[in-house]
Amino acid sequence: MAGFTSTPKENKTCSLNTLLVFGLRLMGRGFSAGMKLLCTLNLPYVCKKTFRIHELKLLEAVKYSCEENTKAASKDVQNFKKTTTCGVSVDGTWQRRDHMSLNG
């Protein structure tokens, strides 16, 4: 009996596998939890190498999205008419054991 896919292939991979990996990573779970889930449901599971490939693809997408959002946020801040100043302590006093913050 030949296998079949219920979702269209995108770039020679099934989007269902990517969605499975994405859902598991959102829940804070990994390969072994996904394998247990799919075995319990009596469904075929992906091999560990394929799982890691999908994780890396998701990581690249998240990095790209974060960079774009950060760039957009910095442009918004640069376009503000009113500028504010923020004092920063750079002398390292906060690293001491008995440091007591005066600002809260």
PDB file of N, CA and C in Angstrom:
ATOM      1  N   MET A   1       0.847  -1.183   0.000  1.00  0.00           N
ATOM      2  CA  MET A   1       0.000   0.000   0.000  1.00  0.00           C
ATOM      3  C   MET A   1       0.887   1.238   0.000  1.00  0.00           C
ATOM      4  N   ALA A   2       0.699   2.087  -0.940  1.00  0.00           N
ATOM      5  CA  ALA A   2       1.500   3.301  -1.061  1.00  0.00           C
ATOM      6  C   ALA A   2       0.934   4.389  -0.164  1.00  0.00           C
ATOM      7  N   GLY A   3       1.840   5.203   0.374  1.00  0.00           N
ATOM      8  CA  GLY A   3       1.416   6.304   1.219  1.00  0.00           C
ATOM      9  C   GLY A   3       0.851   7.440   0.394  1.00  0.00           C
ATOM     10  N   PHE A   4       0.140   8.312   1.031  1.00  0.00           N
ATOM     11  CA  PHE A   4      -0.420   9.472   0.347  1.00  0.00           C
ATOM     12  C   PHE A   4      -0.327  10.658   1.285  1.00  0.00           C
ATOM     13  N   THR A   5      -0.436  11.824   0.717  1.00  0.00           N
ATOM     14  CA  THR A   5      -0.390  13.038   1.512  1.00  0.00           C
ATOM     15  C   THR A   5      -1.711  13.782   1.382  1.00  0.00           C
ATOM     16  N   SER A   6      -2.129  14.370   2.468  1.00  0.00           N
ATOM     17  CA  SER A   6      -3.387  15.114   2.447  1.00  0.00           C
ATOM     18  C   SER A   6      -3.155  16.612   2.275  1.00  0.00           C
ATOM     19  N   THR A   7      -1.893  17.018   2.230  1.00  0.00           N
ATOM     20  CA  THR A   7      -1.563  18.426   2.030  1.00  0.00           C
ATOM     21  C   THR A   7      -0.654  18.552   0.816  1.00  0.00           C
ATOM     22  N   PRO A   8      -0.697  19.688   0.148  1.00  0.00           N
ATOM     23  CA  PRO A   8       0.165  19.858  -1.028  1.00  0.00           C
ATOM     24  C   PRO A   8       1.636  19.958  -0.637  1.00  0.00           C
ATOM     25  N   LYS A   9       2.508  19.546  -1.546  1.00  0.00           N
ATOM     26  CA  LYS A   9       3.942  19.649  -1.305  1.00  0.00           C
ATOM     27  C   LYS A   9       4.416  21.050  -1.661  1.00  0.00           C
ATOM     28  N   GLU A  10       5.290  21.571  -0.826  1.00  0.00           N
ATOM     29  CA  GLU A  10       5.900  22.870  -1.055  1.00  0.00           C
ATOM     30  C   GLU A  10       7.403  22.670  -1.001  1.00  0.00           C
ATOM     31  N   ASN A  11       8.087  22.971  -2.074  1.00  0.00           N
ATOM     32  CA  ASN A  11       9.538  22.782  -2.168  1.00  0.00           C
ATOM     33  C   ASN A  11       9.942  21.349  -1.855  1.00  0.00           C
ATOM     34  N   LYS A  12       9.239  20.410  -2.417  1.00  0.00           N
ATOM     35  CA  LYS A  12       9.505  18.973  -2.296  1.00  0.00           C
ATOM     36  C   LYS A  12       9.300  18.425  -0.884  1.00  0.00           C
ATOM     37  N   THR A  13       8.626  19.160  -0.014  1.00  0.00           N
ATOM     38  CA  THR A  13       8.319  18.674   1.331  1.00  0.00           C
ATOM     39  C   THR A  13       6.837  18.882   1.606  1.00  0.00           C
ATOM     40  N   CYS A  14       6.305  18.039   2.451  1.00  0.00           N
ATOM     41  CA  CYS A  14       4.897  18.166   2.832  1.00  0.00           C
ATOM     42  C   CYS A  14       4.759  19.252   3.891  1.00  0.00           C
ATOM     43  N   SER A  15       3.828  20.141   3.689  1.00  0.00           N
ATOM     44  CA  SER A  15       3.637  21.216   4.661  1.00  0.00           C
ATOM     45  C   SER A  15       3.089  20.672   5.977  1.00  0.00           C
ATOM     46  N   LEU A  16       2.478  19.497   5.945  1.00  0.00           N
ATOM     47  CA  LEU A  16       1.961  18.895   7.170  1.00  0.00           C
ATOM     48  C   LEU A  16       3.089  18.584   8.146  1.00  0.00           C
ATOM     49  N   ASN A  17       4.233  18.128   7.625  1.00  0.00           N
ATOM     50  CA  ASN A  17       5.374  17.848   8.491  1.00  0.00           C
ATOM     51  C   ASN A  17       5.888  19.122   9.148  1.00  0.00           C
ATOM     52  N   THR A  18       5.945  20.197   8.378  1.00  0.00           N
ATOM     53  CA  THR A  18       6.388  21.473   8.934  1.00  0.00           C
ATOM     54  C   THR A  18       5.413  21.961   9.999  1.00  0.00           C
ATOM     55  N   LEU A  19       4.131  21.800   9.743  1.00  0.00           N
ATOM     56  CA  LEU A  19       3.129  22.214  10.730  1.00  0.00           C
ATOM     57  C   LEU A  19       3.209  21.368  11.992  1.00  0.00           C
ATOM     58  N   LEU A  20       3.500  20.082  11.838  1.00  0.00           N
ATOM     59  CA  LEU A  20       3.663  19.210  13.003  1.00  0.00           C
ATOM     60  C   LEU A  20       4.835  19.671  13.852  1.00  0.00           C
ATOM     61  N   VAL A  21       5.965  19.932  13.217  1.00  0.00           N
ATOM     62  CA  VAL A  21       7.152  20.387  13.944  1.00  0.00           C
ATOM     63  C   VAL A  21       6.879  21.733  14.601  1.00  0.00           C
ATOM     64  N   PHE A  22       6.216  22.628  13.883  1.00  0.00           N
ATOM     65  CA  PHE A  22       5.893  23.952  14.426  1.00  0.00           C
ATOM     66  C   PHE A  22       5.003  23.833  15.659  1.00  0.00           C
ATOM     67  N   GLY A  23       3.975  23.008  15.578  1.00  0.00           N
ATOM     68  CA  GLY A  23       3.078  22.823  16.720  1.00  0.00           C
ATOM     69  C   GLY A  23       3.782  22.225  17.920  1.00  0.00           C
ATOM     70  N   LEU A  24       4.635  21.247  17.683  1.00  0.00           N
ATOM     71  CA  LEU A  24       5.371  20.638  18.792  1.00  0.00           C
ATOM     72  C   LEU A  24       6.321  21.638  19.432  1.00  0.00           C
ATOM     73  N   ARG A  25       6.997  22.448  18.624  1.00  0.00           N
ATOM     74  CA  ARG A  25       7.931  23.428  19.181  1.00  0.00           C
ATOM     75  C   ARG A  25       7.189  24.535  19.925  1.00  0.00           C
ATOM     76  N   LEU A  26       5.975  24.879  19.480  1.00  0.00           N
ATOM     77  CA  LEU A  26       5.181  25.869  20.215  1.00  0.00           C
ATOM     78  C   LEU A  26       4.821  25.368  21.605  1.00  0.00           C
ATOM     79  N   MET A  27       4.604  24.059  21.718  1.00  0.00           N
ATOM     80  CA  MET A  27       4.267  23.460  23.010  1.00  0.00           C
ATOM     81  C   MET A  27       5.503  23.169  23.847  1.00  0.00           C
ATOM     82  N   GLY A  28       6.677  23.407  23.292  1.00  0.00           N
ATOM     83  CA  GLY A  28       7.904  23.130  24.013  1.00  0.00           C
ATOM     84  C   GLY A  28       8.298  21.667  23.966  1.00  0.00           C
ATOM     85  N   ARG A  29       7.822  20.948  22.988  1.00  0.00           N
ATOM     86  CA  ARG A  29       8.116  19.524  22.845  1.00  0.00           C
ATOM     87  C   ARG A  29       9.010  19.307  21.640  1.00  0.00           C
ATOM     88  N   GLY A  30       9.587  18.124  21.560  1.00  0.00           N
ATOM     89  CA  GLY A  30      10.506  17.819  20.478  1.00  0.00           C
ATOM     90  C   GLY A  30      10.146  16.557  19.741  1.00  0.00           C
ATOM     91  N   PHE A  31      11.186  15.917  19.204  1.00  0.00           N
ATOM     92  CA  PHE A  31      11.003  14.757  18.341  1.00  0.00           C
ATOM     93  C   PHE A  31      10.351  13.585  19.065  1.00  0.00           C
ATOM     94  N   SER A  32      10.832  13.265  20.261  1.00  0.00           N
ATOM     95  CA  SER A  32      10.302  12.082  20.962  1.00  0.00           C
ATOM     96  C   SER A  32       8.827  12.254  21.322  1.00  0.00           C
ATOM     97  N   ALA A  33       8.423  13.456  21.702  1.00  0.00           N
ATOM     98  CA  ALA A  33       7.009  13.695  22.010  1.00  0.00           C
ATOM     99  C   ALA A  33       6.154  13.567  20.753  1.00  0.00           C
ATOM    100  N   GLY A  34       6.667  14.052  19.630  1.00  0.00           N
ATOM    101  CA  GLY A  34       5.938  13.922  18.373  1.00  0.00           C
ATOM    102  C   GLY A  34       5.816  12.475  17.940  1.00  0.00           C
ATOM    103  N   MET A  35       6.889  11.703  18.149  1.00  0.00           N
ATOM    104  CA  MET A  35       6.854  10.292  17.790  1.00  0.00           C
ATOM    105  C   MET A  35       5.834   9.545  18.655  1.00  0.00           C
ATOM    106  N   LYS A  36       5.803   9.853  19.947  1.00  0.00           N
ATOM    107  CA  LYS A  36       4.829   9.215  20.842  1.00  0.00           C
ATOM    108  C   LYS A  36       3.402   9.572  20.433  1.00  0.00           C
ATOM    109  N   LEU A  37       3.183  10.837  20.103  1.00  0.00           N
ATOM    110  CA  LEU A  37       1.848  11.277  19.694  1.00  0.00           C
ATOM    111  C   LEU A  37       1.394  10.560  18.433  1.00  0.00           C
ATOM    112  N   LEU A  38       2.240  10.536  17.428  1.00  0.00           N
ATOM    113  CA  LEU A  38       1.864   9.916  16.159  1.00  0.00           C
ATOM    114  C   LEU A  38       1.721   8.402  16.284  1.00  0.00           C
ATOM    115  N   CYS A  39       2.541   7.774  17.113  1.00  0.00           N
ATOM    116  CA  CYS A  39       2.398   6.327  17.325  1.00  0.00           C
ATOM    117  C   CYS A  39       1.098   6.023  18.058  1.00  0.00           C
ATOM    118  N   THR A  40       0.725   6.883  19.005  1.00  0.00           N
ATOM    119  CA  THR A  40      -0.535   6.698  19.720  1.00  0.00           C
ATOM    120  C   THR A  40      -1.717   6.824  18.767  1.00  0.00           C
ATOM    121  N   LEU A  41      -1.615   7.729  17.815  1.00  0.00           N
ATOM    122  CA  LEU A  41      -2.681   7.924  16.829  1.00  0.00           C
ATOM    123  C   LEU A  41      -2.581   6.940  15.665  1.00  0.00           C
ATOM    124  N   ASN A  42      -1.584   6.055  15.720  1.00  0.00           N
ATOM    125  CA  ASN A  42      -1.352   5.052  14.680  1.00  0.00           C
ATOM    126  C   ASN A  42      -1.106   5.711  13.317  1.00  0.00           C
ATOM    127  N   LEU A  43      -0.280   6.760  13.339  1.00  0.00           N
ATOM    128  CA  LEU A  43       0.092   7.473  12.122  1.00  0.00           C
ATOM    129  C   LEU A  43       1.597   7.331  11.896  1.00  0.00           C
ATOM    130  N   PRO A  44       2.043   7.369  10.666  1.00  0.00           N
ATOM    131  CA  PRO A  44       3.485   7.290  10.414  1.00  0.00           C
ATOM    132  C   PRO A  44       4.174   8.568  10.887  1.00  0.00           C
ATOM    133  N   TYR A  45       5.349   8.417  11.443  1.00  0.00           N
ATOM    134  CA  TYR A  45       6.079   9.575  11.945  1.00  0.00           C
ATOM    135  C   TYR A  45       7.302   9.822  11.077  1.00  0.00           C
ATOM    136  N   VAL A  46       7.834  11.030  11.158  1.00  0.00           N
ATOM    137  CA  VAL A  46       9.005  11.406  10.371  1.00  0.00           C
ATOM    138  C   VAL A  46      10.264  10.978  11.112  1.00  0.00           C
ATOM    139  N   CYS A  47      11.337  10.770  10.366  1.00  0.00           N
ATOM    140  CA  CYS A  47      12.595  10.391  11.008  1.00  0.00           C
ATOM    141  C   CYS A  47      13.209  11.624  11.673  1.00  0.00           C
ATOM    142  N   LYS A  48      14.181  11.378  12.539  1.00  0.00           N
ATOM    143  CA  LYS A  48      14.775  12.458  13.311  1.00  0.00           C
ATOM    144  C   LYS A  48      15.486  13.475  12.411  1.00  0.00           C
ATOM    145  N   LYS A  49      16.129  12.990  11.357  1.00  0.00           N
ATOM    146  CA  LYS A  49      16.834  13.884  10.434  1.00  0.00           C
ATOM    147  C   LYS A  49      15.852  14.837   9.756  1.00  0.00           C
ATOM    148  N   THR A  50      14.732  14.319   9.308  1.00  0.00           N
ATOM    149  CA  THR A  50      13.710  15.155   8.675  1.00  0.00           C
ATOM    150  C   THR A  50      13.146  16.160   9.668  1.00  0.00           C
ATOM    151  N   PHE A  51      12.931  15.714  10.905  1.00  0.00           N
ATOM    152  CA  PHE A  51      12.426  16.597  11.950  1.00  0.00           C
ATOM    153  C   PHE A  51      13.384  17.766  12.155  1.00  0.00           C
ATOM    154  N   ARG A  52      14.688  17.477  12.235  1.00  0.00           N
ATOM    155  CA  ARG A  52      15.693  18.526  12.437  1.00  0.00           C
ATOM    156  C   ARG A  52      15.755  19.482  11.240  1.00  0.00           C
ATOM    157  N   ILE A  53      15.594  18.955  10.035  1.00  0.00           N
ATOM    158  CA  ILE A  53      15.592  19.814   8.846  1.00  0.00           C
ATOM    159  C   ILE A  53      14.431  20.803   8.911  1.00  0.00           C
ATOM    160  N   HIS A  54      13.265  20.319   9.315  1.00  0.00           N
ATOM    161  CA  HIS A  54      12.105  21.211   9.441  1.00  0.00           C
ATOM    162  C   HIS A  54      12.325  22.222  10.563  1.00  0.00           C
ATOM    163  N   GLU A  55      12.972  21.806  11.654  1.00  0.00           N
ATOM    164  CA  GLU A  55      13.288  22.747  12.727  1.00  0.00           C
ATOM    165  C   GLU A  55      14.204  23.860  12.226  1.00  0.00           C
ATOM    166  N   LEU A  56      15.212  23.492  11.440  1.00  0.00           N
ATOM    167  CA  LEU A  56      16.135  24.500  10.918  1.00  0.00           C
ATOM    168  C   LEU A  56      15.438  25.454   9.955  1.00  0.00           C
ATOM    169  N   LYS A  57      14.520  24.943   9.148  1.00  0.00           N
ATOM    170  CA  LYS A  57      13.756  25.812   8.245  1.00  0.00           C
ATOM    171  C   LYS A  57      12.899  26.792   9.041  1.00  0.00           C
ATOM    172  N   LEU A  58      12.281  26.299  10.110  1.00  0.00           N
ATOM    173  CA  LEU A  58      11.479  27.185  10.957  1.00  0.00           C
ATOM    174  C   LEU A  58      12.359  28.214  11.655  1.00  0.00           C
ATOM    175  N   LEU A  59      13.556  27.803  12.074  1.00  0.00           N
ATOM    176  CA  LEU A  59      14.481  28.728  12.720  1.00  0.00           C
ATOM    177  C   LEU A  59      14.870  29.855  11.770  1.00  0.00           C
ATOM    178  N   GLU A  60      15.162  29.526  10.524  1.00  0.00           N
ATOM    179  CA  GLU A  60      15.498  30.551   9.536  1.00  0.00           C
ATOM    180  C   GLU A  60      14.337  31.518   9.327  1.00  0.00           C
ATOM    181  N   ALA A  61      13.128  30.993   9.267  1.00  0.00           N
ATOM    182  CA  ALA A  61      11.952  31.845   9.075  1.00  0.00           C
ATOM    183  C   ALA A  61      11.740  32.766  10.273  1.00  0.00           C
ATOM    184  N   VAL A  62      11.941  32.242  11.470  1.00  0.00           N
ATOM    185  CA  VAL A  62      11.769  33.052  12.683  1.00  0.00           C
ATOM    186  C   VAL A  62      12.839  34.133  12.754  1.00  0.00           C
ATOM    187  N   LYS A  63      14.078  33.782  12.429  1.00  0.00           N
ATOM    188  CA  LYS A  63      15.152  34.782  12.438  1.00  0.00           C
ATOM    189  C   LYS A  63      14.854  35.910  11.454  1.00  0.00           C
ATOM    190  N   TYR A  64      14.417  35.541  10.254  1.00  0.00           N
ATOM    191  CA  TYR A  64      14.095  36.551   9.241  1.00  0.00           C
ATOM    192  C   TYR A  64      12.968  37.455   9.727  1.00  0.00           C
ATOM    193  N   SER A  65      11.939  36.857  10.294  1.00  0.00           N
ATOM    194  CA  SER A  65      10.800  37.629  10.787  1.00  0.00           C
ATOM    195  C   SER A  65      11.219  38.569  11.912  1.00  0.00           C
ATOM    196  N   CYS A  66      12.050  38.085  12.818  1.00  0.00           N
ATOM    197  CA  CYS A  66      12.519  38.923  13.929  1.00  0.00           C
ATOM    198  C   CYS A  66      13.340  40.105  13.427  1.00  0.00           C
ATOM    199  N   GLU A  67      14.217  39.838  12.466  1.00  0.00           N
ATOM    200  CA  GLU A  67      15.033  40.920  11.921  1.00  0.00           C
ATOM    201  C   GLU A  67      14.167  41.974  11.241  1.00  0.00           C
ATOM    202  N   GLU A  68      13.185  41.538  10.473  1.00  0.00           N
ATOM    203  CA  GLU A  68      12.309  42.489   9.783  1.00  0.00           C
ATOM    204  C   GLU A  68      11.484  43.300  10.781  1.00  0.00           C
ATOM    205  N   ASN A  69      10.973  42.653  11.818  1.00  0.00           N
ATOM    206  CA  ASN A  69      10.188  43.369  12.831  1.00  0.00           C
ATOM    207  C   ASN A  69      11.051  44.357  13.595  1.00  0.00           C
ATOM    208  N   THR A  70      12.293  43.975  13.889  1.00  0.00           N
ATOM    209  CA  THR A  70      13.201  44.869  14.596  1.00  0.00           C
ATOM    210  C   THR A  70      13.547  46.077  13.733  1.00  0.00           C
ATOM    211  N   LYS A  71      13.784  45.850  12.446  1.00  0.00           N
ATOM    212  CA  LYS A  71      14.075  46.964  11.534  1.00  0.00           C
ATOM    213  C   LYS A  71      12.890  47.918  11.446  1.00  0.00           C
ATOM    214  N   ALA A  72      11.689  47.363  11.343  1.00  0.00           N
ATOM    215  CA  ALA A  72      10.492  48.208  11.258  1.00  0.00           C
ATOM    216  C   ALA A  72      10.294  49.001  12.546  1.00  0.00           C
ATOM    217  N   ALA A  73      10.538  48.374  13.686  1.00  0.00           N
ATOM    218  CA  ALA A  73      10.384  49.071  14.967  1.00  0.00           C
ATOM    219  C   ALA A  73      11.423  50.178  15.111  1.00  0.00           C
ATOM    220  N   SER A  74      12.653  49.927  14.669  1.00  0.00           N
ATOM    221  CA  SER A  74      13.681  50.966  14.776  1.00  0.00           C
ATOM    222  C   SER A  74      13.369  52.148  13.859  1.00  0.00           C
ATOM    223  N   LYS A  75      12.797  51.872  12.686  1.00  0.00           N
ATOM    224  CA  LYS A  75      12.402  52.969  11.796  1.00  0.00           C
ATOM    225  C   LYS A  75      11.282  53.790  12.413  1.00  0.00           C
ATOM    226  N   ASP A  76      10.350  53.126  13.090  1.00  0.00           N
ATOM    227  CA  ASP A  76       9.272  53.848  13.767  1.00  0.00           C
ATOM    228  C   ASP A  76       9.826  54.745  14.864  1.00  0.00           C
ATOM    229  N   VAL A  77      10.791  54.242  15.618  1.00  0.00           N
ATOM    230  CA  VAL A  77      11.378  55.028  16.702  1.00  0.00           C
ATOM    231  C   VAL A  77      12.158  56.204  16.128  1.00  0.00           C
ATOM    232  N   GLN A  78      12.856  56.002  15.028  1.00  0.00           N
ATOM    233  CA  GLN A  78      13.620  57.090  14.412  1.00  0.00           C
ATOM    234  C   GLN A  78      12.710  58.182  13.865  1.00  0.00           C
ATOM    235  N   ASN A  79      11.495  57.835  13.510  1.00  0.00           N
ATOM    236  CA  ASN A  79      10.564  58.812  12.942  1.00  0.00           C
ATOM    237  C   ASN A  79       9.819  59.623  13.997  1.00  0.00           C
ATOM    238  N   PHE A  80       9.988  59.304  15.273  1.00  0.00           N
ATOM    239  CA  PHE A  80       9.341  60.083  16.319  1.00  0.00           C
ATOM    240  C   PHE A  80       9.883  61.501  16.304  1.00  0.00           C
ATOM    241  N   LYS A  81       8.998  62.463  16.524  1.00  0.00           N
ATOM    242  CA  LYS A  81       9.411  63.868  16.560  1.00  0.00           C
ATOM    243  C   LYS A  81      10.085  64.200  17.889  1.00  0.00           C
ATOM    244  N   LYS A  82       9.535  63.675  18.962  1.00  0.00           N
ATOM    245  CA  LYS A  82      10.061  63.977  20.288  1.00  0.00           C
ATOM    246  C   LYS A  82      11.064  62.896  20.680  1.00  0.00           C
ATOM    247  N   THR A  83      12.254  63.312  21.041  1.00  0.00           N
ATOM    248  CA  THR A  83      13.257  62.345  21.469  1.00  0.00           C
ATOM    249  C   THR A  83      13.339  62.347  22.986  1.00  0.00           C
ATOM    250  N   THR A  84      13.625  61.211  23.543  1.00  0.00           N
ATOM    251  CA  THR A  84      13.766  61.091  24.987  1.00  0.00           C
ATOM    252  C   THR A  84      15.171  60.611  25.297  1.00  0.00           C
ATOM    253  N   THR A  85      15.617  60.941  26.488  1.00  0.00           N
ATOM    254  CA  THR A  85      16.932  60.479  26.919  1.00  0.00           C
ATOM    255  C   THR A  85      16.747  59.441  28.002  1.00  0.00           C
ATOM    256  N   CYS A  86      17.647  58.531  28.035  1.00  0.00           N
ATOM    257  CA  CYS A  86      17.581  57.448  29.009  1.00  0.00           C
ATOM    258  C   CYS A  86      18.968  57.258  29.593  1.00  0.00           C
ATOM    259  N   GLY A  87      19.094  57.429  30.885  1.00  0.00           N
ATOM    260  CA  GLY A  87      20.377  57.245  31.541  1.00  0.00           C
ATOM    261  C   GLY A  87      20.701  55.780  31.727  1.00  0.00           C
ATOM    262  N   VAL A  88      21.944  55.421  31.460  1.00  0.00           N
ATOM    263  CA  VAL A  88      22.371  54.032  31.573  1.00  0.00           C
ATOM    264  C   VAL A  88      23.610  53.978  32.439  1.00  0.00           C
ATOM    265  N   SER A  89      23.631  53.062  33.399  1.00  0.00           N
ATOM    266  CA  SER A  89      24.790  52.864  34.256  1.00  0.00           C
ATOM    267  C   SER A  89      25.758  51.916  33.565  1.00  0.00           C
ATOM    268  N   VAL A  90      26.954  52.421  33.279  1.00  0.00           N
ATOM    269  CA  VAL A  90      27.945  51.587  32.604  1.00  0.00           C
ATOM    270  C   VAL A  90      29.190  51.371  33.453  1.00  0.00           C
ATOM    271  N   ASP A  91      29.132  51.737  34.733  1.00  0.00           N
ATOM    272  CA  ASP A  91      30.313  51.580  35.575  1.00  0.00           C
ATOM    273  C   ASP A  91      30.395  50.208  36.235  1.00  0.00           C
ATOM    274  N   GLY A  92      29.395  49.358  36.050  1.00  0.00           N
ATOM    275  CA  GLY A  92      29.449  47.999  36.570  1.00  0.00           C
ATOM    276  C   GLY A  92      29.046  47.856  38.020  1.00  0.00           C
ATOM    277  N   THR A  93      28.484  48.901  38.645  1.00  0.00           N
ATOM    278  CA  THR A  93      28.119  48.794  40.059  1.00  0.00           C
ATOM    279  C   THR A  93      26.992  47.797  40.280  1.00  0.00           C
ATOM    280  N   TRP A  94      26.165  47.575  39.293  1.00  0.00           N
ATOM    281  CA  TRP A  94      25.051  46.638  39.437  1.00  0.00           C
ATOM    282  C   TRP A  94      25.537  45.203  39.516  1.00  0.00           C
ATOM    283  N   GLN A  95      26.802  44.958  39.171  1.00  0.00           N
ATOM    284  CA  GLN A  95      27.321  43.597  39.204  1.00  0.00           C
ATOM    285  C   GLN A  95      27.803  43.192  40.596  1.00  0.00           C
ATOM    286  N   ARG A  96      27.895  44.121  41.498  1.00  0.00           N
ATOM    287  CA  ARG A  96      28.376  43.796  42.842  1.00  0.00           C
ATOM    288  C   ARG A  96      27.305  43.082  43.643  1.00  0.00           C
ATOM    289  N   ARG A  97      27.740  42.322  44.605  1.00  0.00           N
ATOM    290  CA  ARG A  97      26.835  41.489  45.391  1.00  0.00           C
ATOM    291  C   ARG A  97      25.842  42.305  46.205  1.00  0.00           C
ATOM    292  N   ASP A  98      26.282  43.389  46.799  1.00  0.00           N
ATOM    293  CA  ASP A  98      25.419  44.174  47.686  1.00  0.00           C
ATOM    294  C   ASP A  98      24.813  45.387  46.991  1.00  0.00           C
ATOM    295  N   HIS A  99      24.654  45.332  45.685  1.00  0.00           N
ATOM    296  CA  HIS A  99      24.111  46.473  44.943  1.00  0.00           C
ATOM    297  C   HIS A  99      22.654  46.705  45.319  1.00  0.00           C
ATOM    298  N   MET A 100      22.330  47.944  45.646  1.00  0.00           N
ATOM    299  CA  MET A 100      20.956  48.343  45.938  1.00  0.00           C
ATOM    300  C   MET A 100      20.550  49.372  44.888  1.00  0.00           C
ATOM    301  N   SER A 101      19.532  49.056  44.137  1.00  0.00           N
ATOM    302  CA  SER A 101      19.091  49.956  43.084  1.00  0.00           C
ATOM    303  C   SER A 101      18.351  51.144  43.678  1.00  0.00           C
ATOM    304  N   LEU A 102      18.668  52.323  43.201  1.00  0.00           N
ATOM    305  CA  LEU A 102      17.983  53.529  43.655  1.00  0.00           C
ATOM    306  C   LEU A 102      16.756  53.818  42.799  1.00  0.00           C
ATOM    307  N   ASN A 103      16.612  53.092  41.698  1.00  0.00           N
ATOM    308  CA  ASN A 103      15.516  53.357  40.774  1.00  0.00           C
ATOM    309  C   ASN A 103      14.396  52.332  40.867  1.00  0.00           C
ATOM    310  N   GLY A 104      14.434  51.430  41.809  1.00  0.00           N
ATOM    311  CA  GLY A 104      13.341  50.478  41.926  1.00  0.00           C
ATOM    312  C   GLY A 104      13.720  49.102  41.917  1.00  0.00           C
TER     313      GLY A 104
END
